[in-house]
């Protein structure tokens, strides 16, 4: 009996992505900065820009996103900053988004 028969099709479509391996490149600071700037100038993420350089296909993003990894300690710091509790993660996320929007107006 195969377990795959019971897996929703939406999950099996992501199997290829799950098997993808992240490759990291260490560059000199100026090279790193140049890649990031050129990517931004073309309205691409650095990873999409690299895919273009080496001739790999890329998916069109559904919506542009920015991300940040937050630890439990980060949530504690941000909760104090925003006068919230660390378990109010959605409110903290909203406050971060507000700050990002405000920072782009400067």
N, C-alpha and C. Protein backbone atom coordinates (compact mmCIF):
# COMPACT_ATOMS: atom_id res chain seq x y z
N UNK A 1 0.85 -1.17 0.00
CA UNK A 1 0.00 0.00 0.00
C UNK A 1 0.90 1.24 0.00
N UNK A 2 0.63 2.20 -0.89
CA UNK A 2 1.43 3.40 -1.00
C UNK A 2 0.80 4.53 -0.21
N UNK A 3 1.60 5.18 0.60
CA UNK A 3 1.11 6.28 1.42
C UNK A 3 0.81 7.51 0.58
N UNK A 4 1.45 7.63 -0.58
CA UNK A 4 1.27 8.82 -1.43
C UNK A 4 -0.16 8.97 -1.92
N UNK A 5 -0.93 7.90 -1.98
CA UNK A 5 -2.30 7.99 -2.47
C UNK A 5 -3.16 8.88 -1.58
N UNK A 6 -2.84 8.98 -0.31
CA UNK A 6 -3.63 9.75 0.63
C UNK A 6 -3.14 11.19 0.79
N UNK A 7 -2.07 11.56 0.12
CA UNK A 7 -1.50 12.90 0.24
C UNK A 7 -2.24 13.85 -0.69
N UNK A 8 -2.67 14.99 -0.17
CA UNK A 8 -3.35 15.96 -1.04
C UNK A 8 -2.44 16.43 -2.18
N UNK A 9 -3.04 16.66 -3.34
CA UNK A 9 -2.24 17.04 -4.52
C UNK A 9 -1.47 18.33 -4.29
N UNK A 10 -2.01 19.25 -3.51
CA UNK A 10 -1.31 20.51 -3.23
C UNK A 10 0.01 20.24 -2.52
N UNK A 11 0.07 19.19 -1.72
CA UNK A 11 1.30 18.87 -1.01
C UNK A 11 2.31 18.21 -1.93
N UNK A 12 1.84 17.33 -2.81
CA UNK A 12 2.77 16.62 -3.68
C UNK A 12 3.41 17.55 -4.69
N UNK A 13 2.71 18.65 -5.05
CA UNK A 13 3.30 19.62 -5.97
C UNK A 13 4.50 20.29 -5.35
N UNK A 14 4.54 20.40 -4.03
CA UNK A 14 5.66 21.05 -3.37
C UNK A 14 6.82 20.09 -3.09
N UNK A 15 6.67 18.81 -3.44
CA UNK A 15 7.75 17.84 -3.21
C UNK A 15 9.07 18.29 -3.82
N UNK A 16 9.03 18.83 -5.04
CA UNK A 16 10.25 19.28 -5.70
C UNK A 16 10.91 20.40 -4.91
N UNK A 17 10.10 21.32 -4.38
CA UNK A 17 10.65 22.43 -3.61
C UNK A 17 11.26 21.96 -2.30
N UNK A 18 10.66 20.95 -1.70
CA UNK A 18 11.18 20.43 -0.45
C UNK A 18 12.57 19.83 -0.67
N UNK A 19 12.78 19.24 -1.82
CA UNK A 19 14.07 18.60 -2.12
C UNK A 19 15.12 19.60 -2.59
N UNK A 20 14.75 20.85 -2.84
CA UNK A 20 15.71 21.85 -3.28
C UNK A 20 16.74 22.08 -2.18
N UNK A 21 17.95 22.38 -2.60
CA UNK A 21 19.05 22.61 -1.66
C UNK A 21 19.50 24.06 -1.80
N UNK A 22 19.58 24.75 -0.69
CA UNK A 22 20.05 26.13 -0.73
C UNK A 22 21.56 26.14 -0.90
N UNK A 23 22.03 26.93 -1.86
CA UNK A 23 23.46 27.06 -2.13
C UNK A 23 23.86 28.47 -1.73
N UNK A 24 24.92 28.57 -0.93
CA UNK A 24 25.37 29.86 -0.41
C UNK A 24 26.70 30.21 -1.06
N UNK A 25 26.82 31.47 -1.45
CA UNK A 25 28.05 31.97 -2.06
C UNK A 25 28.65 33.04 -1.16
N UNK A 26 29.92 32.89 -0.86
CA UNK A 26 30.61 33.91 -0.08
C UNK A 26 31.39 34.78 -1.05
N UNK A 27 31.06 36.06 -1.08
CA UNK A 27 31.71 37.01 -1.97
C UNK A 27 32.38 38.10 -1.15
N UNK A 28 33.25 38.84 -1.80
CA UNK A 28 33.81 40.02 -1.15
C UNK A 28 32.68 41.01 -0.93
N UNK A 29 32.81 41.89 0.04
CA UNK A 29 31.76 42.83 0.39
C UNK A 29 31.29 43.65 -0.81
N UNK A 30 32.22 44.13 -1.63
CA UNK A 30 31.85 44.95 -2.78
C UNK A 30 31.08 44.14 -3.83
N UNK A 31 31.47 42.87 -4.03
CA UNK A 31 30.77 42.00 -4.98
C UNK A 31 29.37 41.70 -4.48
N UNK A 32 29.27 41.43 -3.20
CA UNK A 32 27.98 41.15 -2.57
C UNK A 32 27.05 42.35 -2.74
N UNK A 33 27.56 43.53 -2.45
CA UNK A 33 26.78 44.76 -2.57
C UNK A 33 26.35 45.00 -4.03
N UNK A 34 27.27 44.77 -4.97
CA UNK A 34 26.96 44.98 -6.39
C UNK A 34 25.84 44.05 -6.86
N UNK A 35 25.88 42.80 -6.45
CA UNK A 35 24.82 41.85 -6.84
C UNK A 35 23.48 42.32 -6.29
N UNK A 36 23.46 42.73 -5.04
CA UNK A 36 22.21 43.18 -4.43
C UNK A 36 21.68 44.43 -5.12
N UNK A 37 22.55 45.37 -5.44
CA UNK A 37 22.13 46.61 -6.10
C UNK A 37 21.59 46.32 -7.50
N UNK A 38 22.32 45.48 -8.26
CA UNK A 38 21.87 45.15 -9.61
C UNK A 38 20.53 44.41 -9.58
N UNK A 39 20.34 43.57 -8.59
CA UNK A 39 19.06 42.87 -8.45
C UNK A 39 17.94 43.87 -8.19
N UNK A 40 18.18 44.79 -7.28
CA UNK A 40 17.18 45.81 -6.96
C UNK A 40 16.86 46.66 -8.18
N UNK A 41 17.89 47.04 -8.92
CA UNK A 41 17.69 47.86 -10.12
C UNK A 41 16.79 47.17 -11.14
N UNK A 42 16.79 45.83 -11.13
CA UNK A 42 15.95 45.07 -12.05
C UNK A 42 14.66 44.58 -11.38
N UNK A 43 14.42 45.09 -10.17
CA UNK A 43 13.23 44.72 -9.41
C UNK A 43 13.17 43.20 -9.15
N UNK A 44 14.32 42.65 -8.83
CA UNK A 44 14.43 41.21 -8.55
C UNK A 44 15.01 41.00 -7.16
N UNK A 45 14.78 39.83 -6.63
CA UNK A 45 15.47 39.43 -5.41
C UNK A 45 16.88 39.00 -5.82
N UNK A 46 17.84 39.04 -4.90
CA UNK A 46 19.18 38.58 -5.27
C UNK A 46 19.18 37.14 -5.81
N UNK A 47 18.36 36.26 -5.25
CA UNK A 47 18.35 34.88 -5.73
C UNK A 47 17.80 34.79 -7.16
N UNK A 48 16.77 35.58 -7.48
CA UNK A 48 16.26 35.59 -8.85
C UNK A 48 17.28 36.19 -9.81
N UNK A 49 17.99 37.21 -9.37
CA UNK A 49 19.03 37.81 -10.21
C UNK A 49 20.13 36.79 -10.51
N UNK A 50 20.53 36.03 -9.50
CA UNK A 50 21.54 34.98 -9.69
C UNK A 50 21.02 33.93 -10.67
N UNK A 51 19.76 33.54 -10.53
CA UNK A 51 19.18 32.56 -11.46
C UNK A 51 19.23 33.08 -12.89
N UNK A 52 18.95 34.38 -13.08
CA UNK A 52 19.05 34.98 -14.42
C UNK A 52 20.49 34.92 -14.93
N UNK A 53 21.44 35.26 -14.08
CA UNK A 53 22.85 35.28 -14.49
C UNK A 53 23.29 33.91 -15.00
N UNK A 54 22.90 32.86 -14.29
CA UNK A 54 23.36 31.51 -14.66
C UNK A 54 22.39 30.79 -15.59
N UNK A 55 21.35 31.47 -16.04
CA UNK A 55 20.45 30.91 -17.04
C UNK A 55 19.43 29.93 -16.53
N UNK A 56 19.05 30.05 -15.26
CA UNK A 56 18.02 29.17 -14.70
C UNK A 56 16.66 29.87 -14.75
N UNK A 57 15.60 29.10 -14.93
CA UNK A 57 14.27 29.72 -14.91
C UNK A 57 13.92 30.17 -13.50
N UNK A 58 13.04 31.13 -13.42
CA UNK A 58 12.54 31.58 -12.12
C UNK A 58 11.04 31.76 -12.21
N UNK A 59 10.40 31.56 -11.10
CA UNK A 59 8.95 31.75 -11.05
C UNK A 59 8.66 33.23 -10.81
N UNK A 60 7.60 33.71 -11.44
CA UNK A 60 7.18 35.08 -11.19
C UNK A 60 6.58 35.12 -9.79
N UNK A 61 7.03 36.06 -8.96
CA UNK A 61 6.49 36.10 -7.60
C UNK A 61 5.01 36.44 -7.60
N UNK A 62 4.27 35.78 -6.74
CA UNK A 62 2.84 36.04 -6.62
C UNK A 62 2.64 37.43 -6.03
N UNK A 63 3.40 37.74 -5.02
CA UNK A 63 3.40 39.08 -4.44
C UNK A 63 4.78 39.31 -3.82
N UNK A 64 5.29 40.51 -3.96
CA UNK A 64 6.60 40.79 -3.35
C UNK A 64 6.50 40.71 -1.83
N UNK A 65 7.50 40.09 -1.23
CA UNK A 65 7.50 39.95 0.23
C UNK A 65 8.89 40.22 0.78
N UNK A 66 8.91 40.68 1.98
CA UNK A 66 10.13 40.79 2.75
C UNK A 66 9.96 39.88 3.96
N UNK A 67 11.05 39.34 4.44
CA UNK A 67 10.93 38.45 5.60
C UNK A 67 12.04 38.73 6.60
N UNK A 68 11.77 38.32 7.80
CA UNK A 68 12.74 38.43 8.89
C UNK A 68 12.50 37.24 9.81
N UNK A 69 13.56 36.68 10.33
CA UNK A 69 13.43 35.59 11.30
C UNK A 69 13.47 36.19 12.70
N UNK A 70 12.51 35.82 13.51
CA UNK A 70 12.43 36.34 14.86
C UNK A 70 12.50 35.21 15.88
N UNK A 71 13.40 35.37 16.83
CA UNK A 71 13.53 34.40 17.92
C UNK A 71 12.59 34.80 19.05
N UNK A 72 12.48 33.94 20.03
CA UNK A 72 11.67 34.26 21.21
C UNK A 72 12.21 35.52 21.88
N UNK A 73 13.53 35.65 21.92
CA UNK A 73 14.15 36.84 22.51
C UNK A 73 13.79 38.10 21.69
N UNK A 74 13.78 37.97 20.37
CA UNK A 74 13.40 39.10 19.51
C UNK A 74 11.97 39.55 19.83
N UNK A 75 11.07 38.58 20.00
CA UNK A 75 9.69 38.92 20.32
C UNK A 75 9.60 39.66 21.66
N UNK A 76 10.43 39.26 22.61
CA UNK A 76 10.45 39.94 23.91
C UNK A 76 10.90 41.39 23.74
N UNK A 77 11.95 41.60 22.98
CA UNK A 77 12.48 42.95 22.73
C UNK A 77 11.43 43.81 22.02
N UNK A 78 10.83 43.24 20.98
CA UNK A 78 9.83 43.99 20.22
C UNK A 78 8.57 44.26 21.04
N UNK A 79 8.20 43.32 21.88
CA UNK A 79 7.02 43.51 22.74
C UNK A 79 7.24 44.72 23.64
N UNK A 80 8.43 44.84 24.20
CA UNK A 80 8.74 46.01 25.04
C UNK A 80 8.71 47.28 24.21
N UNK A 81 9.29 47.22 23.03
CA UNK A 81 9.33 48.40 22.14
C UNK A 81 7.93 48.90 21.82
N UNK A 82 7.02 47.96 21.53
CA UNK A 82 5.67 48.32 21.11
C UNK A 82 4.65 48.30 22.26
N UNK A 83 5.13 48.10 23.46
CA UNK A 83 4.28 48.05 24.65
C UNK A 83 3.19 46.98 24.51
N UNK A 84 3.63 45.80 24.11
CA UNK A 84 2.76 44.64 23.96
C UNK A 84 3.35 43.49 24.76
N UNK A 85 2.72 42.32 24.68
CA UNK A 85 3.31 41.12 25.27
C UNK A 85 3.87 40.27 24.13
N UNK A 86 4.87 39.47 24.44
CA UNK A 86 5.57 38.69 23.42
C UNK A 86 4.65 37.70 22.71
N UNK A 87 3.57 37.30 23.32
CA UNK A 87 2.65 36.35 22.67
C UNK A 87 1.71 37.04 21.67
N UNK A 88 1.77 38.35 21.56
CA UNK A 88 0.93 39.12 20.62
C UNK A 88 1.65 39.25 19.28
N UNK A 89 1.98 38.10 18.72
CA UNK A 89 2.83 38.06 17.52
C UNK A 89 2.22 38.77 16.32
N UNK A 90 0.94 38.65 16.12
CA UNK A 90 0.31 39.32 14.97
C UNK A 90 0.35 40.84 15.14
N UNK A 91 0.12 41.32 16.34
CA UNK A 91 0.21 42.76 16.61
C UNK A 91 1.64 43.26 16.42
N UNK A 92 2.60 42.47 16.86
CA UNK A 92 4.01 42.82 16.67
C UNK A 92 4.32 42.89 15.18
N UNK A 93 3.83 41.92 14.43
CA UNK A 93 4.03 41.90 12.97
C UNK A 93 3.45 43.17 12.35
N UNK A 94 2.27 43.57 12.78
CA UNK A 94 1.63 44.78 12.27
C UNK A 94 2.48 46.01 12.57
N UNK A 95 3.03 46.08 13.78
CA UNK A 95 3.87 47.22 14.17
C UNK A 95 5.15 47.28 13.33
N UNK A 96 5.74 46.12 13.07
CA UNK A 96 6.94 46.08 12.22
C UNK A 96 6.58 46.58 10.83
N UNK A 97 5.46 46.12 10.30
CA UNK A 97 5.03 46.55 8.97
C UNK A 97 4.83 48.06 8.93
N UNK A 98 4.22 48.62 9.97
CA UNK A 98 4.04 50.07 10.04
C UNK A 98 5.39 50.78 9.98
N UNK A 99 6.36 50.27 10.73
CA UNK A 99 7.68 50.89 10.72
C UNK A 99 8.34 50.79 9.36
N UNK A 100 8.18 49.66 8.68
CA UNK A 100 8.74 49.51 7.34
C UNK A 100 8.12 50.51 6.37
N UNK A 101 6.81 50.64 6.43
CA UNK A 101 6.11 51.60 5.56
C UNK A 101 6.60 53.01 5.84
N UNK A 102 6.68 53.37 7.12
CA UNK A 102 7.14 54.71 7.50
C UNK A 102 8.59 54.95 7.09
N UNK A 103 9.42 53.92 7.16
CA UNK A 103 10.83 54.07 6.77
C UNK A 103 10.98 54.33 5.28
N UNK A 104 10.04 53.84 4.47
CA UNK A 104 10.13 54.06 3.03
C UNK A 104 9.68 55.46 2.64
N UNK A 105 9.04 56.17 3.54
CA UNK A 105 8.56 57.53 3.26
C UNK A 105 9.62 58.59 3.53
N UNK A 106 10.70 58.20 4.16
CA UNK A 106 11.75 59.16 4.53
C UNK A 106 12.60 59.55 3.36
